[in-house]
Amino acid sequence: MAQNTEVIFAGTDNFGGLCGPEYPGYIFVLDGRDGRQKWVSPQNVRVSALNCPGAGDLDGDGYPEVVFATSGQRLLILKYDLSTSTYTYTILWYAVKPCIV
């Protein structure tokens, strides 16, 4: 049985070629088999498109969470919810210059 693979990344909707803190981006989730967009972060949830996310099983459930630095110097943890087959996120407030290792 083939596993469902997804591609998760931060990107910008600014097609002028400019990138930086003043041009924050969104989180995109693509189906790894056909490239179809499965989820994008809401308009009010912006991340730094320049930072690479980190992934790991943070809560011990056997599934990786993906951590992003937001444009407001906070951490956003993205988690797939098996019960609803969608993504949920938590934002940790007041992270000082988040660094994902």
Foldseek 3Di string as FASTA:
>chain_A
DDDWDKDKAWDFPDPPPDFDLVGFTWIWIAGPPPRHTDDIDDPVFTFHRVDTWDWDDPPPPPHIWIWTQRSVRWIKIWDQDPVVRHIDIDIGPDHHNDDDD
